[in-house]
Amino acid sequence: MKISRNFKYKISINDALDKLYELLEMFNATDISHENDELSILFNCKSLTFKVSGDITLKESGFSVTVNLPIAAMAFKSKVERAIDKKFKV
């Protein structure tokens, strides 16, 4: 199950990475790994017993945050959406 959010302000890759780790910390994520370049971050982690992945992609007009949750984590979808909005809104 994919959760995607688009934001209309610019952010540096370092600030996006900081906010990503703050977001993952909110869900007590473990086994966190990430790869990044100047325009994107790919990440993987575990939260509770769920494997979670996603990305942050910088664009000319802003950036997007995508989180991939397993179907078994569907009950947490709205909580994840609210957390993304809270962590990344200006």
PDB file of N, CA and C in Angstrom:
ATOM      1  N   MET A   1       0.860  -1.166   0.000  1.00  0.00           N
ATOM      2  CA  MET A   1       0.000   0.000   0.000  1.00  0.00           C
ATOM      3  C   MET A   1       0.910   1.233   0.000  1.00  0.00           C
ATOM      4  N   LYS A   2       0.686   2.100  -0.957  1.00  0.00           N
ATOM      5  CA  LYS A   2       1.538   3.277  -1.137  1.00  0.00           C
ATOM      6  C   LYS A   2       0.841   4.524  -0.603  1.00  0.00           C
ATOM      7  N   ILE A   3       1.584   5.303   0.176  1.00  0.00           N
ATOM      8  CA  ILE A   3       1.117   6.600   0.660  1.00  0.00           C
ATOM      9  C   ILE A   3       2.017   7.647   0.023  1.00  0.00           C
ATOM     10  N   SER A   4       1.425   8.595  -0.682  1.00  0.00           N
ATOM     11  CA  SER A   4       2.209   9.648  -1.341  1.00  0.00           C
ATOM     12  C   SER A   4       1.698  11.018  -0.936  1.00  0.00           C
ATOM     13  N   ARG A   5       2.628  11.907  -0.689  1.00  0.00           N
ATOM     14  CA  ARG A   5       2.311  13.292  -0.365  1.00  0.00           C
ATOM     15  C   ARG A   5       3.222  14.195  -1.182  1.00  0.00           C
ATOM     16  N   ASN A   6       2.664  15.284  -1.705  1.00  0.00           N
ATOM     17  CA  ASN A   6       3.436  16.279  -2.449  1.00  0.00           C
ATOM     18  C   ASN A   6       3.429  17.589  -1.684  1.00  0.00           C
ATOM     19  N   PHE A   7       4.573  18.243  -1.657  1.00  0.00           N
ATOM     20  CA  PHE A   7       4.717  19.513  -0.961  1.00  0.00           C
ATOM     21  C   PHE A   7       5.251  20.543  -1.949  1.00  0.00           C
ATOM     22  N   LYS A   8       4.751  21.767  -1.841  1.00  0.00           N
ATOM     23  CA  LYS A   8       5.038  22.816  -2.824  1.00  0.00           C
ATOM     24  C   LYS A   8       6.097  23.809  -2.362  1.00  0.00           C
ATOM     25  N   TYR A   9       6.998  23.398  -1.507  1.00  0.00           N
ATOM     26  CA  TYR A   9       8.110  24.278  -1.153  1.00  0.00           C
ATOM     27  C   TYR A   9       9.410  23.516  -1.365  1.00  0.00           C
ATOM     28  N   LYS A  10      10.500  24.227  -1.498  1.00  0.00           N
ATOM     29  CA  LYS A  10      11.796  23.598  -1.743  1.00  0.00           C
ATOM     30  C   LYS A  10      12.430  23.214  -0.414  1.00  0.00           C
ATOM     31  N   ILE A  11      13.175  22.112  -0.447  1.00  0.00           N
ATOM     32  CA  ILE A  11      13.878  21.618   0.730  1.00  0.00           C
ATOM     33  C   ILE A  11      15.215  21.066   0.262  1.00  0.00           C
ATOM     34  N   SER A  12      16.236  21.207   1.082  1.00  0.00           N
ATOM     35  CA  SER A  12      17.532  20.629   0.713  1.00  0.00           C
ATOM     36  C   SER A  12      17.506  19.132   1.020  1.00  0.00           C
ATOM     37  N   ILE A  13      18.374  18.389   0.392  1.00  0.00           N
ATOM     38  CA  ILE A  13      18.424  16.946   0.626  1.00  0.00           C
ATOM     39  C   ILE A  13      18.805  16.664   2.077  1.00  0.00           C
ATOM     40  N   ASN A  14      19.660  17.501   2.678  1.00  0.00           N
ATOM     41  CA  ASN A  14      20.044  17.300   4.082  1.00  0.00           C
ATOM     42  C   ASN A  14      18.880  17.551   5.026  1.00  0.00           C
ATOM     43  N   ASP A  15      18.094  18.607   4.772  1.00  0.00           N
ATOM     44  CA  ASP A  15      16.921  18.868   5.606  1.00  0.00           C
ATOM     45  C   ASP A  15      15.883  17.765   5.440  1.00  0.00           C
ATOM     46  N   ALA A  16      15.718  17.276   4.229  1.00  0.00           N
ATOM     47  CA  ALA A  16      14.770  16.177   3.989  1.00  0.00           C
ATOM     48  C   ALA A  16      15.205  14.927   4.739  1.00  0.00           C
ATOM     49  N   LEU A  17      16.488  14.651   4.745  1.00  0.00           N
ATOM     50  CA  LEU A  17      17.004  13.478   5.458  1.00  0.00           C
ATOM     51  C   LEU A  17      16.784  13.621   6.962  1.00  0.00           C
ATOM     52  N   ASP A  18      17.032  14.813   7.498  1.00  0.00           N
ATOM     53  CA  ASP A  18      16.776  15.062   8.923  1.00  0.00           C
ATOM     54  C   ASP A  18      15.312  14.823   9.265  1.00  0.00           C
ATOM     55  N   LYS A  19      14.412  15.365   8.444  1.00  0.00           N
ATOM     56  CA  LYS A  19      12.982  15.201   8.697  1.00  0.00           C
ATOM     57  C   LYS A  19      12.551  13.740   8.549  1.00  0.00           C
ATOM     58  N   LEU A  20      13.156  13.029   7.602  1.00  0.00           N
ATOM     59  CA  LEU A  20      12.855  11.609   7.440  1.00  0.00           C
ATOM     60  C   LEU A  20      13.204  10.840   8.708  1.00  0.00           C
ATOM     61  N   TYR A  21      14.383  11.071   9.248  1.00  0.00           N
ATOM     62  CA  TYR A  21      14.791  10.362  10.465  1.00  0.00           C
ATOM     63  C   TYR A  21      13.905  10.745  11.647  1.00  0.00           C
ATOM     64  N   GLU A  22      13.479  11.992  11.735  1.00  0.00           N
ATOM     65  CA  GLU A  22      12.536  12.394  12.785  1.00  0.00           C
ATOM     66  C   GLU A  22      11.213  11.657  12.613  1.00  0.00           C
ATOM     67  N   LEU A  23      10.752  11.537  11.369  1.00  0.00           N
ATOM     68  CA  LEU A  23       9.508  10.811  11.092  1.00  0.00           C
ATOM     69  C   LEU A  23       9.642   9.346  11.496  1.00  0.00           C
ATOM     70  N   LEU A  24      10.729   8.707  11.099  1.00  0.00           N
ATOM     71  CA  LEU A  24      10.923   7.301  11.423  1.00  0.00           C
ATOM     72  C   LEU A  24      11.045   7.081  12.927  1.00  0.00           C
ATOM     73  N   GLU A  25      11.640   8.050  13.615  1.00  0.00           N
ATOM     74  CA  GLU A  25      11.753   7.983  15.064  1.00  0.00           C
ATOM     75  C   GLU A  25      10.368   7.991  15.731  1.00  0.00           C
ATOM     76  N   MET A  26       9.421   8.731  15.144  1.00  0.00           N
ATOM     77  CA  MET A  26       8.057   8.786  15.684  1.00  0.00           C
ATOM     78  C   MET A  26       7.401   7.400  15.706  1.00  0.00           C
ATOM     79  N   PHE A  27       7.838   6.520  14.798  1.00  0.00           N
ATOM     80  CA  PHE A  27       7.268   5.178  14.695  1.00  0.00           C
ATOM     81  C   PHE A  27       8.211   4.107  15.241  1.00  0.00           C
ATOM     82  N   ASN A  28       9.197   4.541  16.030  1.00  0.00           N
ATOM     83  CA  ASN A  28      10.157   3.617  16.639  1.00  0.00           C
ATOM     84  C   ASN A  28      10.775   2.670  15.614  1.00  0.00           C
ATOM     85  N   ALA A  29      11.136   3.200  14.485  1.00  0.00           N
ATOM     86  CA  ALA A  29      11.716   2.395  13.410  1.00  0.00           C
ATOM     87  C   ALA A  29      13.086   1.860  13.805  1.00  0.00           C
ATOM     88  N   THR A  30      13.374   0.654  13.323  1.00  0.00           N
ATOM     89  CA  THR A  30      14.676   0.026  13.547  1.00  0.00           C
ATOM     90  C   THR A  30      15.218  -0.422  12.196  1.00  0.00           C
ATOM     91  N   ASP A  31      16.440  -0.907  12.203  1.00  0.00           N
ATOM     92  CA  ASP A  31      17.088  -1.407  10.986  1.00  0.00           C
ATOM     93  C   ASP A  31      16.962  -0.410   9.836  1.00  0.00           C
ATOM     94  N   ILE A  32      17.189   0.864  10.130  1.00  0.00           N
ATOM     95  CA  ILE A  32      17.028   1.923   9.132  1.00  0.00           C
ATOM     96  C   ILE A  32      18.244   1.955   8.213  1.00  0.00           C
ATOM     97  N   SER A  33      17.972   1.988   6.920  1.00  0.00           N
ATOM     98  CA  SER A  33      19.035   2.202   5.948  1.00  0.00           C
ATOM     99  C   SER A  33      18.523   3.182   4.902  1.00  0.00           C
ATOM    100  N   HIS A  34      19.452   3.903   4.295  1.00  0.00           N
ATOM    101  CA  HIS A  34      19.057   4.832   3.235  1.00  0.00           C
ATOM    102  C   HIS A  34      20.203   5.009   2.243  1.00  0.00           C
ATOM    103  N   GLU A  35      19.822   5.390   1.051  1.00  0.00           N
ATOM    104  CA  GLU A  35      20.752   5.778  -0.006  1.00  0.00           C
ATOM    105  C   GLU A  35      20.236   7.098  -0.550  1.00  0.00           C
ATOM    106  N   ASN A  36      21.143   8.003  -0.846  1.00  0.00           N
ATOM    107  CA  ASN A  36      20.680   9.259  -1.416  1.00  0.00           C
ATOM    108  C   ASN A  36      21.690   9.851  -2.384  1.00  0.00           C
ATOM    109  N   ASP A  37      21.159  10.696  -3.244  1.00  0.00           N
ATOM    110  CA  ASP A  37      21.985  11.544  -4.098  1.00  0.00           C
ATOM    111  C   ASP A  37      21.445  12.956  -3.915  1.00  0.00           C
ATOM    112  N   GLU A  38      21.759  13.876  -4.808  1.00  0.00           N
ATOM    113  CA  GLU A  38      21.328  15.261  -4.595  1.00  0.00           C
ATOM    114  C   GLU A  38      19.837  15.488  -4.843  1.00  0.00           C
ATOM    115  N   LEU A  39      19.122  14.522  -5.438  1.00  0.00           N
ATOM    116  CA  LEU A  39      17.705  14.715  -5.752  1.00  0.00           C
ATOM    117  C   LEU A  39      16.761  13.701  -5.120  1.00  0.00           C
ATOM    118  N   SER A  40      17.281  12.678  -4.460  1.00  0.00           N
ATOM    119  CA  SER A  40      16.368  11.688  -3.900  1.00  0.00           C
ATOM    120  C   SER A  40      16.984  10.919  -2.739  1.00  0.00           C
ATOM    121  N   ILE A  41      16.102  10.363  -1.927  1.00  0.00           N
ATOM    122  CA  ILE A  41      16.477   9.506  -0.808  1.00  0.00           C
ATOM    123  C   ILE A  41      15.611   8.252  -0.912  1.00  0.00           C
ATOM    124  N   LEU A  42      16.231   7.094  -0.872  1.00  0.00           N
ATOM    125  CA  LEU A  42      15.517   5.828  -0.789  1.00  0.00           C
ATOM    126  C   LEU A  42      15.771   5.266   0.601  1.00  0.00           C
ATOM    127  N   PHE A  43      14.727   4.772   1.272  1.00  0.00           N
ATOM    128  CA  PHE A  43      14.928   4.253   2.615  1.00  0.00           C
ATOM    129  C   PHE A  43      14.168   2.950   2.837  1.00  0.00           C
ATOM    130  N   ASN A  44      14.658   2.195   3.831  1.00  0.00           N
ATOM    131  CA  ASN A  44      14.044   0.951   4.289  1.00  0.00           C
ATOM    132  C   ASN A  44      14.180   0.896   5.792  1.00  0.00           C
ATOM    133  N   CYS A  45      13.199   0.287   6.451  1.00  0.00           N
ATOM    134  CA  CYS A  45      13.272   0.125   7.895  1.00  0.00           C
ATOM    135  C   CYS A  45      12.231  -0.898   8.338  1.00  0.00           C
ATOM    136  N   LYS A  46      12.211  -1.133   9.647  1.00  0.00           N
ATOM    137  CA  LYS A  46      11.165  -1.943  10.261  1.00  0.00           C
ATOM    138  C   LYS A  46      10.487  -1.075  11.309  1.00  0.00           C
ATOM    139  N   SER A  47       9.182  -1.208  11.405  1.00  0.00           N
ATOM    140  CA  SER A  47       8.423  -0.535  12.448  1.00  0.00           C
ATOM    141  C   SER A  47       7.427  -1.562  12.960  1.00  0.00           C
ATOM    142  N   LEU A  48       7.454  -1.789  14.254  1.00  0.00           N
ATOM    143  CA  LEU A  48       6.745  -2.922  14.847  1.00  0.00           C
ATOM    144  C   LEU A  48       7.309  -4.164  14.157  1.00  0.00           C
ATOM    145  N   THR A  49       6.492  -4.948  13.509  1.00  0.00           N
ATOM    146  CA  THR A  49       7.009  -6.120  12.781  1.00  0.00           C
ATOM    147  C   THR A  49       6.940  -5.911  11.274  1.00  0.00           C
ATOM    148  N   PHE A  50       6.614  -4.702  10.840  1.00  0.00           N
ATOM    149  CA  PHE A  50       6.395  -4.423   9.429  1.00  0.00           C
ATOM    150  C   PHE A  50       7.660  -3.899   8.750  1.00  0.00           C
ATOM    151  N   LYS A  51       7.895  -4.377   7.531  1.00  0.00           N
ATOM    152  CA  LYS A  51       8.963  -3.818   6.694  1.00  0.00           C
ATOM    153  C   LYS A  51       8.376  -2.638   5.936  1.00  0.00           C
ATOM    154  N   VAL A  52       9.056  -1.508   6.006  1.00  0.00           N
ATOM    155  CA  VAL A  52       8.589  -0.269   5.394  1.00  0.00           C
ATOM    156  C   VAL A  52       9.684   0.246   4.476  1.00  0.00           C
ATOM    157  N   SER A  53       9.277   0.804   3.341  1.00  0.00           N
ATOM    158  CA  SER A  53      10.239   1.417   2.426  1.00  0.00           C
ATOM    159  C   SER A  53       9.623   2.689   1.870  1.00  0.00           C
ATOM    160  N   GLY A  54      10.423   3.447   1.165  1.00  0.00           N
ATOM    161  CA  GLY A  54       9.883   4.654   0.557  1.00  0.00           C
ATOM    162  C   GLY A  54      10.963   5.528  -0.020  1.00  0.00           C
ATOM    163  N   ASP A  55      10.543   6.728  -0.398  1.00  0.00           N
ATOM    164  CA  ASP A  55      11.500   7.664  -0.975  1.00  0.00           C
ATOM    165  C   ASP A  55      11.027   9.097  -0.784  1.00  0.00           C
ATOM    166  N   ILE A  56      11.982   9.989  -0.896  1.00  0.00           N
ATOM    167  CA  ILE A  56      11.730  11.427  -0.963  1.00  0.00           C
ATOM    168  C   ILE A  56      12.401  11.891  -2.243  1.00  0.00           C
ATOM    169  N   THR A  57      11.639  12.548  -3.095  1.00  0.00           N
ATOM    170  CA  THR A  57      12.168  13.004  -4.378  1.00  0.00           C
ATOM    171  C   THR A  57      12.010  14.513  -4.492  1.00  0.00           C
ATOM    172  N   LEU A  58      13.127  15.199  -4.706  1.00  0.00           N
ATOM    173  CA  LEU A  58      13.102  16.642  -4.889  1.00  0.00           C
ATOM    174  C   LEU A  58      12.771  16.962  -6.342  1.00  0.00           C
ATOM    175  N   LYS A  59      11.930  17.976  -6.541  1.00  0.00           N
ATOM    176  CA  LYS A  59      11.511  18.402  -7.873  1.00  0.00           C
ATOM    177  C   LYS A  59      11.694  19.911  -7.977  1.00  0.00           C
ATOM    178  N   GLU A  60      11.525  20.453  -9.162  1.00  0.00           N
ATOM    179  CA  GLU A  60      11.648  21.900  -9.341  1.00  0.00           C
ATOM    180  C   GLU A  60      10.618  22.661  -8.530  1.00  0.00           C
ATOM    181  N   SER A  61       9.412  22.128  -8.430  1.00  0.00           N
ATOM    182  CA  SER A  61       8.321  22.841  -7.768  1.00  0.00           C
ATOM    183  C   SER A  61       8.118  22.435  -6.312  1.00  0.00           C
ATOM    184  N   GLY A  62       8.960  21.588  -5.768  1.00  0.00           N
ATOM    185  CA  GLY A  62       8.798  21.132  -4.395  1.00  0.00           C
ATOM    186  C   GLY A  62       9.398  19.751  -4.223  1.00  0.00           C
ATOM    187  N   PHE A  63       8.686  18.860  -3.524  1.00  0.00           N
ATOM    188  CA  PHE A  63       9.188  17.508  -3.334  1.00  0.00           C
ATOM    189  C   PHE A  63       8.029  16.581  -2.984  1.00  0.00           C
ATOM    190  N   SER A  64       8.287  15.278  -3.112  1.00  0.00           N
ATOM    191  CA  SER A  64       7.281  14.287  -2.759  1.00  0.00           C
ATOM    192  C   SER A  64       7.854  13.314  -1.745  1.00  0.00           C
ATOM    193  N   VAL A  65       6.968  12.785  -0.902  1.00  0.00           N
ATOM    194  CA  VAL A  65       7.314  11.764   0.083  1.00  0.00           C
ATOM    195  C   VAL A  65       6.415  10.568  -0.196  1.00  0.00           C
ATOM    196  N   THR A  66       7.016   9.401  -0.366  1.00  0.00           N
ATOM    197  CA  THR A  66       6.265   8.177  -0.608  1.00  0.00           C
ATOM    198  C   THR A  66       6.692   7.138   0.426  1.00  0.00           C
ATOM    199  N   VAL A  67       5.703   6.501   1.043  1.00  0.00           N
ATOM    200  CA  VAL A  67       5.958   5.429   2.002  1.00  0.00           C
ATOM    201  C   VAL A  67       5.181   4.206   1.546  1.00  0.00           C
ATOM    202  N   ASN A  68       5.862   3.082   1.488  1.00  0.00           N
ATOM    203  CA  ASN A  68       5.241   1.816   1.105  1.00  0.00           C
ATOM    204  C   ASN A  68       5.045   0.967   2.352  1.00  0.00           C
ATOM    205  N   LEU A  69       3.784   0.711   2.681  1.00  0.00           N
ATOM    206  CA  LEU A  69       3.439  -0.116   3.834  1.00  0.00           C
ATOM    207  C   LEU A  69       2.889  -1.451   3.360  1.00  0.00           C
ATOM    208  N   PRO A  70       3.129  -2.517   4.120  1.00  0.00           N
ATOM    209  CA  PRO A  70       2.492  -3.783   3.768  1.00  0.00           C
ATOM    210  C   PRO A  70       0.985  -3.701   4.022  1.00  0.00           C
ATOM    211  N   ILE A  71       0.226  -4.524   3.338  1.00  0.00           N
ATOM    212  CA  ILE A  71      -1.232  -4.535   3.500  1.00  0.00           C
ATOM    213  C   ILE A  71      -1.615  -4.763   4.966  1.00  0.00           C
ATOM    214  N   ALA A  72      -0.844  -5.568   5.670  1.00  0.00           N
ATOM    215  CA  ALA A  72      -1.144  -5.849   7.079  1.00  0.00           C
ATOM    216  C   ALA A  72      -1.079  -4.604   7.960  1.00  0.00           C
ATOM    217  N   ALA A  73      -0.439  -3.547   7.472  1.00  0.00           N
ATOM    218  CA  ALA A  73      -0.315  -2.299   8.235  1.00  0.00           C
ATOM    219  C   ALA A  73      -1.368  -1.274   7.831  1.00  0.00           C
ATOM    220  N   MET A  74      -2.393  -1.684   7.107  1.00  0.00           N
ATOM    221  CA  MET A  74      -3.412  -0.760   6.612  1.00  0.00           C
ATOM    222  C   MET A  74      -4.063   0.052   7.733  1.00  0.00           C
ATOM    223  N   ALA A  75      -4.190  -0.520   8.897  1.00  0.00           N
ATOM    224  CA  ALA A  75      -4.796   0.185  10.030  1.00  0.00           C
ATOM    225  C   ALA A  75      -3.993   1.429  10.429  1.00  0.00           C
ATOM    226  N   PHE A  76      -2.733   1.482  10.035  1.00  0.00           N
ATOM    227  CA  PHE A  76      -1.869   2.606  10.393  1.00  0.00           C
ATOM    228  C   PHE A  76      -1.783   3.668   9.300  1.00  0.00           C
ATOM    229  N   LYS A  77      -2.495   3.475   8.189  1.00  0.00           N
ATOM    230  CA  LYS A  77      -2.382   4.376   7.040  1.00  0.00           C
ATOM    231  C   LYS A  77      -2.652   5.834   7.418  1.00  0.00           C
ATOM    232  N   SER A  78      -3.760   6.112   8.068  1.00  0.00           N
ATOM    233  CA  SER A  78      -4.087   7.509   8.383  1.00  0.00           C
ATOM    234  C   SER A  78      -3.104   8.099   9.390  1.00  0.00           C
ATOM    235  N   LYS A  79      -2.601   7.290  10.292  1.00  0.00           N
ATOM    236  CA  LYS A  79      -1.609   7.773  11.254  1.00  0.00           C
ATOM    237  C   LYS A  79      -0.311   8.157  10.534  1.00  0.00           C
ATOM    238  N   VAL A  80       0.093   7.363   9.568  1.00  0.00           N
ATOM    239  CA  VAL A  80       1.302   7.661   8.787  1.00  0.00           C
ATOM    240  C   VAL A  80       1.085   8.920   7.949  1.00  0.00           C
ATOM    241  N   GLU A  81      -0.085   9.036   7.321  1.00  0.00           N
ATOM    242  CA  GLU A  81      -0.385  10.234   6.528  1.00  0.00           C
ATOM    243  C   GLU A  81      -0.319  11.498   7.386  1.00  0.00           C
ATOM    244  N   ARG A  82      -0.919  11.455   8.558  1.00  0.00           N
ATOM    245  CA  ARG A  82      -0.900  12.619   9.461  1.00  0.00           C
ATOM    246  C   ARG A  82       0.530  12.944   9.905  1.00  0.00           C
ATOM    247  N   ALA A  83       1.319  11.910  10.185  1.00  0.00           N
ATOM    248  CA  ALA A  83       2.702  12.128  10.631  1.00  0.00           C
ATOM    249  C   ALA A  83       3.539  12.750   9.511  1.00  0.00           C
ATOM    250  N   ILE A  84       3.365  12.293   8.285  1.00  0.00           N
ATOM    251  CA  ILE A  84       4.088  12.886   7.146  1.00  0.00           C
ATOM    252  C   ILE A  84       3.706  14.349   6.996  1.00  0.00           C
ATOM    253  N   ASP A  85       2.405  14.624   7.031  1.00  0.00           N
ATOM    254  CA  ASP A  85       1.953  16.012   6.907  1.00  0.00           C
ATOM    255  C   ASP A  85       2.519  16.884   8.020  1.00  0.00           C
ATOM    256  N   LYS A  86       2.497  16.390   9.234  1.00  0.00           N
ATOM    257  CA  LYS A  86       2.998  17.169  10.372  1.00  0.00           C
ATOM    258  C   LYS A  86       4.497  17.419  10.260  1.00  0.00           C
ATOM    259  N   LYS A  87       5.244  16.417   9.892  1.00  0.00           N
ATOM    260  CA  LYS A  87       6.699  16.528   9.866  1.00  0.00           C
ATOM    261  C   LYS A  87       7.207  17.366   8.699  1.00  0.00           C
ATOM    262  N   PHE A  88       6.505  17.348   7.552  1.00  0.00           N
ATOM    263  CA  PHE A  88       7.011  18.012   6.357  1.00  0.00           C
ATOM    264  C   PHE A  88       6.314  19.318   6.002  1.00  0.00           C
ATOM    265  N   LYS A  89       5.200  19.640   6.632  1.00  0.00           N
ATOM    266  CA  LYS A  89       4.562  20.922   6.326  1.00  0.00           C
ATOM    267  C   LYS A  89       5.385  22.055   6.907  1.00  0.00           C
ATOM    268  N   VAL A  90       5.339  23.193   6.239  1.00  0.00           N
ATOM    269  CA  VAL A  90       6.088  24.359   6.682  1.00  0.00           C
ATOM    270  C   VAL A  90       5.403  24.994   7.864  1.00  0.00           C
TER     271      VAL A  90
END
